């Protein structure tokens, strides 16, 4: 069963998590934390929807719609040479 974040598209299934920690290694915002031998979702609101966690999760325990949210806004701002991305 996926825990759904209301702030963004991030979904995490703690039952499917094997505790490998790849999401910890690739998440730029500390959305996940170690919980004994597994990982837990601790800061879902900090997710910028870059998709790195989903791509690196071998168990399919993480779903996120990459290309939306703050990550997409940052890419757009860089491409359009805007100084401040709008993440809202």
PDB file of N, CA and C in Angstrom:
ATOM      1  N   UNK A   1       0.836  -1.180   0.000  1.00  0.00           N
ATOM      2  CA  UNK A   1       0.000   0.000   0.000  1.00  0.00           C
ATOM      3  C   UNK A   1       0.879   1.242   0.000  1.00  0.00           C
ATOM      4  N   UNK A   2       0.640   2.151  -0.899  1.00  0.00           N
ATOM      5  CA  UNK A   2       1.435   3.359  -1.034  1.00  0.00           C
ATOM      6  C   UNK A   2       0.932   4.446  -0.103  1.00  0.00           C
ATOM      7  N   UNK A   3       1.864   5.095   0.613  1.00  0.00           N
ATOM      8  CA  UNK A   3       1.553   6.298   1.369  1.00  0.00           C
ATOM      9  C   UNK A   3       1.607   7.437   0.371  1.00  0.00           C
ATOM     10  N   UNK A   4       0.561   8.228   0.289  1.00  0.00           N
ATOM     11  CA  UNK A   4       0.471   9.295  -0.696  1.00  0.00           C
ATOM     12  C   UNK A   4       0.698  10.636  -0.016  1.00  0.00           C
ATOM     13  N   UNK A   5       1.519  11.454  -0.619  1.00  0.00           N
ATOM     14  CA  UNK A   5       1.759  12.803  -0.133  1.00  0.00           C
ATOM     15  C   UNK A   5       0.722  13.734  -0.747  1.00  0.00           C
ATOM     16  N   UNK A   6       0.154  14.612   0.048  1.00  0.00           N
ATOM     17  CA  UNK A   6      -0.822  15.556  -0.496  1.00  0.00           C
ATOM     18  C   UNK A   6      -0.141  16.786  -1.101  1.00  0.00           C
ATOM     19  N   UNK A   7       1.162  16.959  -0.833  1.00  0.00           N
ATOM     20  CA  UNK A   7       1.875  18.137  -1.317  1.00  0.00           C
ATOM     21  C   UNK A   7       2.390  17.981  -2.746  1.00  0.00           C
ATOM     22  N   UNK A   8       2.505  16.742  -3.215  1.00  0.00           N
ATOM     23  CA  UNK A   8       3.086  16.492  -4.532  1.00  0.00           C
ATOM     24  C   UNK A   8       2.693  15.082  -4.986  1.00  0.00           C
ATOM     25  N   UNK A   9       3.354  14.561  -5.995  1.00  0.00           N
ATOM     26  CA  UNK A   9       2.961  13.258  -6.549  1.00  0.00           C
ATOM     27  C   UNK A   9       3.713  12.079  -5.927  1.00  0.00           C
ATOM     28  N   UNK A  10       4.565  12.323  -4.943  1.00  0.00           N
ATOM     29  CA  UNK A  10       5.365  11.274  -4.312  1.00  0.00           C
ATOM     30  C   UNK A  10       4.503  10.243  -3.598  1.00  0.00           C
ATOM     31  N   UNK A  11       4.769   8.967  -3.895  1.00  0.00           N
ATOM     32  CA  UNK A  11       4.101   7.851  -3.219  1.00  0.00           C
ATOM     33  C   UNK A  11       5.173   6.851  -2.793  1.00  0.00           C
ATOM     34  N   UNK A  12       5.059   6.326  -1.564  1.00  0.00           N
ATOM     35  CA  UNK A  12       6.039   5.394  -1.023  1.00  0.00           C
ATOM     36  C   UNK A  12       5.323   4.205  -0.398  1.00  0.00           C
ATOM     37  N   UNK A  13       5.773   2.983  -0.751  1.00  0.00           N
ATOM     38  CA  UNK A  13       5.213   1.756  -0.194  1.00  0.00           C
ATOM     39  C   UNK A  13       6.236   1.139   0.760  1.00  0.00           C
ATOM     40  N   UNK A  14       6.102   1.378   2.065  1.00  0.00           N
ATOM     41  CA  UNK A  14       7.078   0.866   3.024  1.00  0.00           C
ATOM     42  C   UNK A  14       7.140  -0.660   3.072  1.00  0.00           C
ATOM     43  N   UNK A  15       6.071  -1.337   2.708  1.00  0.00           N
ATOM     44  CA  UNK A  15       6.051  -2.803   2.708  1.00  0.00           C
ATOM     45  C   UNK A  15       6.962  -3.366   1.619  1.00  0.00           C
ATOM     46  N   UNK A  16       7.031  -2.690   0.486  1.00  0.00           N
ATOM     47  CA  UNK A  16       7.873  -3.138  -0.623  1.00  0.00           C
ATOM     48  C   UNK A  16       9.342  -2.764  -0.455  1.00  0.00           C
ATOM     49  N   UNK A  17       9.635  -1.848   0.441  1.00  0.00           N
ATOM     50  CA  UNK A  17      11.000  -1.362   0.640  1.00  0.00           C
ATOM     51  C   UNK A  17      11.888  -2.468   1.201  1.00  0.00           C
ATOM     52  N   UNK A  18      13.048  -2.682   0.558  1.00  0.00           N
ATOM     53  CA  UNK A  18      13.989  -3.689   1.052  1.00  0.00           C
ATOM     54  C   UNK A  18      15.110  -3.067   1.875  1.00  0.00           C
ATOM     55  N   UNK A  19      15.079  -1.765   2.083  1.00  0.00           N
ATOM     56  CA  UNK A  19      16.054  -1.093   2.921  1.00  0.00           C
ATOM     57  C   UNK A  19      17.409  -0.865   2.288  1.00  0.00           C
ATOM     58  N   UNK A  20      17.509  -0.939   0.971  1.00  0.00           N
ATOM     59  CA  UNK A  20      18.804  -0.801   0.297  1.00  0.00           C
ATOM     60  C   UNK A  20      19.427   0.571   0.504  1.00  0.00           C
ATOM     61  N   UNK A  21      18.596   1.611   0.671  1.00  0.00           N
ATOM     62  CA  UNK A  21      19.096   2.954   0.921  1.00  0.00           C
ATOM     63  C   UNK A  21      19.453   3.771  -0.300  1.00  0.00           C
ATOM     64  N   UNK A  22      19.171   3.268  -1.485  1.00  0.00           N
ATOM     65  CA  UNK A  22      19.485   4.048  -2.688  1.00  0.00           C
ATOM     66  C   UNK A  22      18.731   5.379  -2.705  1.00  0.00           C
ATOM     67  N   UNK A  23      17.508   5.388  -2.232  1.00  0.00           N
ATOM     68  CA  UNK A  23      16.742   6.635  -2.198  1.00  0.00           C
ATOM     69  C   UNK A  23      17.419   7.655  -1.281  1.00  0.00           C
ATOM     70  N   UNK A  24      18.021   7.180  -0.204  1.00  0.00           N
ATOM     71  CA  UNK A  24      18.755   8.069   0.701  1.00  0.00           C
ATOM     72  C   UNK A  24      19.945   8.697  -0.007  1.00  0.00           C
ATOM     73  N   UNK A  25      20.604   7.890  -0.814  1.00  0.00           N
ATOM     74  CA  UNK A  25      21.815   8.336  -1.506  1.00  0.00           C
ATOM     75  C   UNK A  25      21.526   9.345  -2.611  1.00  0.00           C
ATOM     76  N   UNK A  26      20.395   9.227  -3.278  1.00  0.00           N
ATOM     77  CA  UNK A  26      20.132  10.079  -4.448  1.00  0.00           C
ATOM     78  C   UNK A  26      19.194  11.256  -4.197  1.00  0.00           C
ATOM     79  N   UNK A  27      18.456  11.239  -3.103  1.00  0.00           N
ATOM     80  CA  UNK A  27      17.505  12.330  -2.843  1.00  0.00           C
ATOM     81  C   UNK A  27      18.240  13.593  -2.399  1.00  0.00           C
ATOM     82  N   UNK A  28      18.085  14.692  -3.145  1.00  0.00           N
ATOM     83  CA  UNK A  28      18.794  15.927  -2.794  1.00  0.00           C
ATOM     84  C   UNK A  28      18.181  16.689  -1.626  1.00  0.00           C
ATOM     85  N   UNK A  29      17.012  16.253  -1.135  1.00  0.00           N
ATOM     86  CA  UNK A  29      16.315  17.016  -0.094  1.00  0.00           C
ATOM     87  C   UNK A  29      16.011  16.233   1.172  1.00  0.00           C
ATOM     88  N   UNK A  30      16.594  15.079   1.360  1.00  0.00           N
ATOM     89  CA  UNK A  30      16.402  14.320   2.605  1.00  0.00           C
ATOM     90  C   UNK A  30      14.966  13.925   2.870  1.00  0.00           C
ATOM     91  N   UNK A  31      14.277  13.505   1.827  1.00  0.00           N
ATOM     92  CA  UNK A  31      12.873  13.126   1.955  1.00  0.00           C
ATOM     93  C   UNK A  31      12.718  11.796   2.714  1.00  0.00           C
ATOM     94  N   UNK A  32      13.729  10.943   2.591  1.00  0.00           N
ATOM     95  CA  UNK A  32      13.698   9.627   3.232  1.00  0.00           C
ATOM     96  C   UNK A  32      14.728   9.563   4.355  1.00  0.00           C
ATOM     97  N   UNK A  33      14.516   8.649   5.322  1.00  0.00           N
ATOM     98  CA  UNK A  33      15.470   8.439   6.414  1.00  0.00           C
ATOM     99  C   UNK A  33      15.523   6.955   6.753  1.00  0.00           C
ATOM    100  N   UNK A  34      16.649   6.544   7.279  1.00  0.00           N
ATOM    101  CA  UNK A  34      16.825   5.164   7.717  1.00  0.00           C
ATOM    102  C   UNK A  34      15.939   4.926   8.938  1.00  0.00           C
ATOM    103  N   UNK A  35      15.315   3.760   8.979  1.00  0.00           N
ATOM    104  CA  UNK A  35      14.480   3.349  10.105  1.00  0.00           C
ATOM    105  C   UNK A  35      14.833   1.898  10.404  1.00  0.00           C
ATOM    106  N   UNK A  36      15.897   1.688  11.139  1.00  0.00           N
ATOM    107  CA  UNK A  36      16.368   0.331  11.380  1.00  0.00           C
ATOM    108  C   UNK A  36      16.913  -0.255  10.093  1.00  0.00           C
ATOM    109  N   UNK A  37      16.336  -1.364   9.659  1.00  0.00           N
ATOM    110  CA  UNK A  37      16.776  -2.027   8.428  1.00  0.00           C
ATOM    111  C   UNK A  37      16.010  -1.565   7.197  1.00  0.00           C
ATOM    112  N   UNK A  38      15.044  -0.684   7.375  1.00  0.00           N
ATOM    113  CA  UNK A  38      14.266  -0.176   6.249  1.00  0.00           C
ATOM    114  C   UNK A  38      14.427   1.335   6.149  1.00  0.00           C
ATOM    115  N   UNK A  39      13.657   1.913   5.266  1.00  0.00           N
ATOM    116  CA  UNK A  39      13.662   3.352   5.033  1.00  0.00           C
ATOM    117  C   UNK A  39      12.248   3.844   5.251  1.00  0.00           C
ATOM    118  N   UNK A  40      12.114   5.067   5.710  1.00  0.00           N
ATOM    119  CA  UNK A  40      10.782   5.648   5.854  1.00  0.00           C
ATOM    120  C   UNK A  40      10.726   7.009   5.203  1.00  0.00           C
ATOM    121  N   UNK A  41       9.537   7.419   4.854  1.00  0.00           N
ATOM    122  CA  UNK A  41       9.265   8.727   4.266  1.00  0.00           C
ATOM    123  C   UNK A  41       9.119   9.703   5.426  1.00  0.00           C
ATOM    124  N   UNK A  42      10.037  10.685   5.535  1.00  0.00           N
ATOM    125  CA  UNK A  42      10.004  11.594   6.676  1.00  0.00           C
ATOM    126  C   UNK A  42       9.694  13.046   6.305  1.00  0.00           C
ATOM    127  N   UNK A  43       9.992  13.443   5.079  1.00  0.00           N
ATOM    128  CA  UNK A  43       9.753  14.829   4.656  1.00  0.00           C
ATOM    129  C   UNK A  43       9.137  14.871   3.264  1.00  0.00           C
ATOM    130  N   UNK A  44       7.931  14.326   3.086  1.00  0.00           N
ATOM    131  CA  UNK A  44       7.342  14.276   1.743  1.00  0.00           C
ATOM    132  C   UNK A  44       7.138  15.653   1.126  1.00  0.00           C
ATOM    133  N   UNK A  45       6.911  16.651   1.954  1.00  0.00           N
ATOM    134  CA  UNK A  45       6.688  18.001   1.447  1.00  0.00           C
ATOM    135  C   UNK A  45       7.946  18.598   0.825  1.00  0.00           C
ATOM    136  N   UNK A  46       9.114  18.042   1.141  1.00  0.00           N
ATOM    137  CA  UNK A  46      10.385  18.535   0.601  1.00  0.00           C
ATOM    138  C   UNK A  46      10.701  17.958  -0.780  1.00  0.00           C
ATOM    139  N   UNK A  47       9.919  16.997  -1.232  1.00  0.00           N
ATOM    140  CA  UNK A  47      10.169  16.356  -2.529  1.00  0.00           C
ATOM    141  C   UNK A  47      10.004  17.361  -3.665  1.00  0.00           C
ATOM    142  N   UNK A  48      11.035  17.425  -4.527  1.00  0.00           N
ATOM    143  CA  UNK A  48      10.962  18.324  -5.679  1.00  0.00           C
ATOM    144  C   UNK A  48      10.595  17.582  -6.960  1.00  0.00           C
ATOM    145  N   UNK A  49      10.223  16.297  -6.814  1.00  0.00           N
ATOM    146  CA  UNK A  49       9.733  15.472  -7.925  1.00  0.00           C
ATOM    147  C   UNK A  49      10.743  15.323  -9.059  1.00  0.00           C
ATOM    148  N   UNK A  50      12.002  15.145  -8.687  1.00  0.00           N
ATOM    149  CA  UNK A  50      13.037  14.952  -9.715  1.00  0.00           C
ATOM    150  C   UNK A  50      13.005  13.530 -10.280  1.00  0.00           C
ATOM    151  N   UNK A  51      12.517  12.569  -9.499  1.00  0.00           N
ATOM    152  CA  UNK A  51      12.392  11.193  -9.968  1.00  0.00           C
ATOM    153  C   UNK A  51      13.587  10.302  -9.692  1.00  0.00           C
ATOM    154  N   UNK A  52      14.648  10.847  -9.099  1.00  0.00           N
ATOM    155  CA  UNK A  52      15.848  10.053  -8.842  1.00  0.00           C
ATOM    156  C   UNK A  52      15.570   8.859  -7.933  1.00  0.00           C
ATOM    157  N   UNK A  53      14.744   9.036  -6.937  1.00  0.00           N
ATOM    158  CA  UNK A  53      14.441   7.938  -6.005  1.00  0.00           C
ATOM    159  C   UNK A  53      13.716   6.806  -6.726  1.00  0.00           C
ATOM    160  N   UNK A  54      12.751   7.143  -7.544  1.00  0.00           N
ATOM    161  CA  UNK A  54      11.987   6.122  -8.271  1.00  0.00           C
ATOM    162  C   UNK A  54      12.881   5.339  -9.227  1.00  0.00           C
ATOM    163  N   UNK A  55      13.726   6.032  -9.953  1.00  0.00           N
ATOM    164  CA  UNK A  55      14.612   5.391 -10.919  1.00  0.00           C
ATOM    165  C   UNK A  55      15.571   4.422 -10.226  1.00  0.00           C
ATOM    166  N   UNK A  56      15.994   4.758  -9.016  1.00  0.00           N
ATOM    167  CA  UNK A  56      16.976   3.953  -8.295  1.00  0.00           C
ATOM    168  C   UNK A  56      16.378   2.943  -7.330  1.00  0.00           C
ATOM    169  N   UNK A  57      15.067   2.855  -7.239  1.00  0.00           N
ATOM    170  CA  UNK A  57      14.414   1.895  -6.339  1.00  0.00           C
ATOM    171  C   UNK A  57      14.185   0.578  -7.079  1.00  0.00           C
ATOM    172  N   UNK A  58      14.960  -0.434  -6.717  1.00  0.00           N
ATOM    173  CA  UNK A  58      14.872  -1.735  -7.392  1.00  0.00           C
ATOM    174  C   UNK A  58      13.585  -2.487  -7.082  1.00  0.00           C
ATOM    175  N   UNK A  59      12.898  -2.109  -6.030  1.00  0.00           N
ATOM    176  CA  UNK A  59      11.688  -2.814  -5.600  1.00  0.00           C
ATOM    177  C   UNK A  59      10.392  -2.147  -6.054  1.00  0.00           C
ATOM    178  N   UNK A  60      10.477  -0.998  -6.681  1.00  0.00           N
ATOM    179  CA  UNK A  60       9.271  -0.288  -7.109  1.00  0.00           C
ATOM    180  C   UNK A  60       8.467   0.264  -5.948  1.00  0.00           C
ATOM    181  N   UNK A  61       9.141   0.550  -4.841  1.00  0.00           N
ATOM    182  CA  UNK A  61       8.459   1.045  -3.647  1.00  0.00           C
ATOM    183  C   UNK A  61       8.177   2.541  -3.700  1.00  0.00           C
ATOM    184  N   UNK A  62       8.713   3.203  -4.713  1.00  0.00           N
ATOM    185  CA  UNK A  62       8.554   4.652  -4.818  1.00  0.00           C
ATOM    186  C   UNK A  62       7.986   5.006  -6.185  1.00  0.00           C
ATOM    187  N   UNK A  63       6.987   5.869  -6.151  1.00  0.00           N
ATOM    188  CA  UNK A  63       6.410   6.403  -7.383  1.00  0.00           C
ATOM    189  C   UNK A  63       6.378   7.914  -7.268  1.00  0.00           C
ATOM    190  N   UNK A  64       6.756   8.577  -8.327  1.00  0.00           N
ATOM    191  CA  UNK A  64       6.681  10.029  -8.376  1.00  0.00           C
ATOM    192  C   UNK A  64       6.590  10.437  -9.839  1.00  0.00           C
ATOM    193  N   UNK A  65       5.784  11.428 -10.105  1.00  0.00           N
ATOM    194  CA  UNK A  65       5.645  11.918 -11.471  1.00  0.00           C
ATOM    195  C   UNK A  65       6.736  12.952 -11.711  1.00  0.00           C
ATOM    196  N   UNK A  66       7.842  12.497 -12.277  1.00  0.00           N
ATOM    197  CA  UNK A  66       8.938  13.429 -12.518  1.00  0.00           C
ATOM    198  C   UNK A  66       8.602  14.343 -13.686  1.00  0.00           C
ATOM    199  N   UNK A  67       9.219  15.486 -13.700  1.00  0.00           N
ATOM    200  CA  UNK A  67       8.947  16.464 -14.757  1.00  0.00           C
ATOM    201  C   UNK A  67       7.870  17.458 -14.384  1.00  0.00           C
ATOM    202  N   UNK A  68       7.407  17.373 -13.154  1.00  0.00           N
ATOM    203  CA  UNK A  68       6.443  18.342 -12.638  1.00  0.00           C
ATOM    204  C   UNK A  68       7.046  18.930 -11.370  1.00  0.00           C
ATOM    205  N   UNK A  69       6.393  19.874 -10.774  1.00  0.00           N
ATOM    206  CA  UNK A  69       6.855  20.394  -9.494  1.00  0.00           C
ATOM    207  C   UNK A  69       8.097  21.253  -9.598  1.00  0.00           C
ATOM    208  N   UNK A  70       8.811  21.323  -8.487  1.00  0.00           N
ATOM    209  CA  UNK A  70       9.946  22.229  -8.366  1.00  0.00           C
ATOM    210  C   UNK A  70      11.095  21.875  -9.293  1.00  0.00           C
ATOM    211  N   UNK A  71      11.376  20.610  -9.478  1.00  0.00           N
ATOM    212  CA  UNK A  71      12.473  20.220 -10.367  1.00  0.00           C
ATOM    213  C   UNK A  71      12.222  20.736 -11.776  1.00  0.00           C
ATOM    214  N   UNK A  72      11.013  20.572 -12.252  1.00  0.00           N
ATOM    215  CA  UNK A  72      10.678  21.059 -13.594  1.00  0.00           C
ATOM    216  C   UNK A  72      10.779  22.577 -13.655  1.00  0.00           C
ATOM    217  N   UNK A  73      10.363  23.249 -12.592  1.00  0.00           N
ATOM    218  CA  UNK A  73      10.447  24.715 -12.564  1.00  0.00           C
ATOM    219  C   UNK A  73      11.893  25.178 -12.601  1.00  0.00           C
ATOM    220  N   UNK A  74      12.766  24.465 -11.925  1.00  0.00           N
ATOM    221  CA  UNK A  74      14.186  24.817 -11.924  1.00  0.00           C
ATOM    222  C   UNK A  74      14.797  24.628 -13.309  1.00  0.00           C
ATOM    223  N   UNK A  75      14.458  23.529 -13.967  1.00  0.00           N
ATOM    224  CA  UNK A  75      14.960  23.290 -15.324  1.00  0.00           C
ATOM    225  C   UNK A  75      14.461  24.361 -16.292  1.00  0.00           C
ATOM    226  N   UNK A  76      13.153  24.675 -16.193  1.00  0.00           N
ATOM    227  CA  UNK A  76      12.567  25.703 -17.050  1.00  0.00           C
ATOM    228  C   UNK A  76      13.258  27.052 -16.850  1.00  0.00           C
ATOM    229  N   UNK A  77      13.472  27.417 -15.567  1.00  0.00           N
ATOM    230  CA  UNK A  77      14.119  28.694 -15.265  1.00  0.00           C
ATOM    231  C   UNK A  77      15.526  28.744 -15.842  1.00  0.00           C
ATOM    232  N   UNK A  78      16.267  27.644 -15.737  1.00  0.00           N
ATOM    233  CA  UNK A  78      17.630  27.608 -16.278  1.00  0.00           C
ATOM    234  C   UNK A  78      17.615  27.734 -17.800  1.00  0.00           C
ATOM    235  N   UNK A  79      16.693  27.029 -18.448  1.00  0.00           N
ATOM    236  CA  UNK A  79      16.622  27.082 -19.906  1.00  0.00           C
ATOM    237  C   UNK A  79      16.192  28.449 -20.421  1.00  0.00           C
ATOM    238  N   UNK A  80      15.315  29.105 -19.670  1.00  0.00           N
ATOM    239  CA  UNK A  80      14.815  30.416 -20.073  1.00  0.00           C
ATOM    240  C   UNK A  80      15.627  31.560 -19.476  1.00  0.00           C
ATOM    241  N   UNK A  81      16.701  31.198 -18.783  1.00  0.00           N
ATOM    242  CA  UNK A  81      17.602  32.170 -18.154  1.00  0.00           C
ATOM    243  C   UNK A  81      16.871  33.103 -17.201  1.00  0.00           C
ATOM    244  N   UNK A  82      15.967  32.518 -16.401  1.00  0.00           N
ATOM    245  CA  UNK A  82      15.278  33.266 -15.381  1.00  0.00           C
ATOM    246  C   UNK A  82      16.031  33.094 -14.072  1.00  0.00           C
ATOM    247  N   UNK A  83      16.069  34.127 -13.268  1.00  0.00           N
ATOM    248  CA  UNK A  83      16.852  34.053 -12.039  1.00  0.00           C
ATOM    249  C   UNK A  83      16.135  33.294 -10.927  1.00  0.00           C
ATOM    250  N   UNK A  84      14.820  33.364 -10.861  1.00  0.00           N
ATOM    251  CA  UNK A  84      14.091  32.720  -9.774  1.00  0.00           C
ATOM    252  C   UNK A  84      13.014  31.791 -10.322  1.00  0.00           C
ATOM    253  N   UNK A  85      13.164  30.485 -10.077  1.00  0.00           N
ATOM    254  CA  UNK A  85      12.113  29.569 -10.522  1.00  0.00           C
ATOM    255  C   UNK A  85      10.882  29.678  -9.639  1.00  0.00           C
ATOM    256  N   UNK A  86       9.739  29.459 -10.220  1.00  0.00           N
ATOM    257  CA  UNK A  86       8.485  29.433  -9.477  1.00  0.00           C
ATOM    258  C   UNK A  86       8.089  27.977  -9.242  1.00  0.00           C
ATOM    259  N   UNK A  87       8.131  27.556  -7.974  1.00  0.00           N
ATOM    260  CA  UNK A  87       7.822  26.176  -7.627  1.00  0.00           C
ATOM    261  C   UNK A  87       6.384  26.007  -7.194  1.00  0.00           C
ATOM    262  N   UNK A  88       5.612  27.033  -7.203  1.00  0.00           N
ATOM    263  CA  UNK A  88       4.254  26.963  -6.692  1.00  0.00           C
ATOM    264  C   UNK A  88       3.242  26.597  -7.706  1.00  0.00           C
TER     265      UNK A  88
END
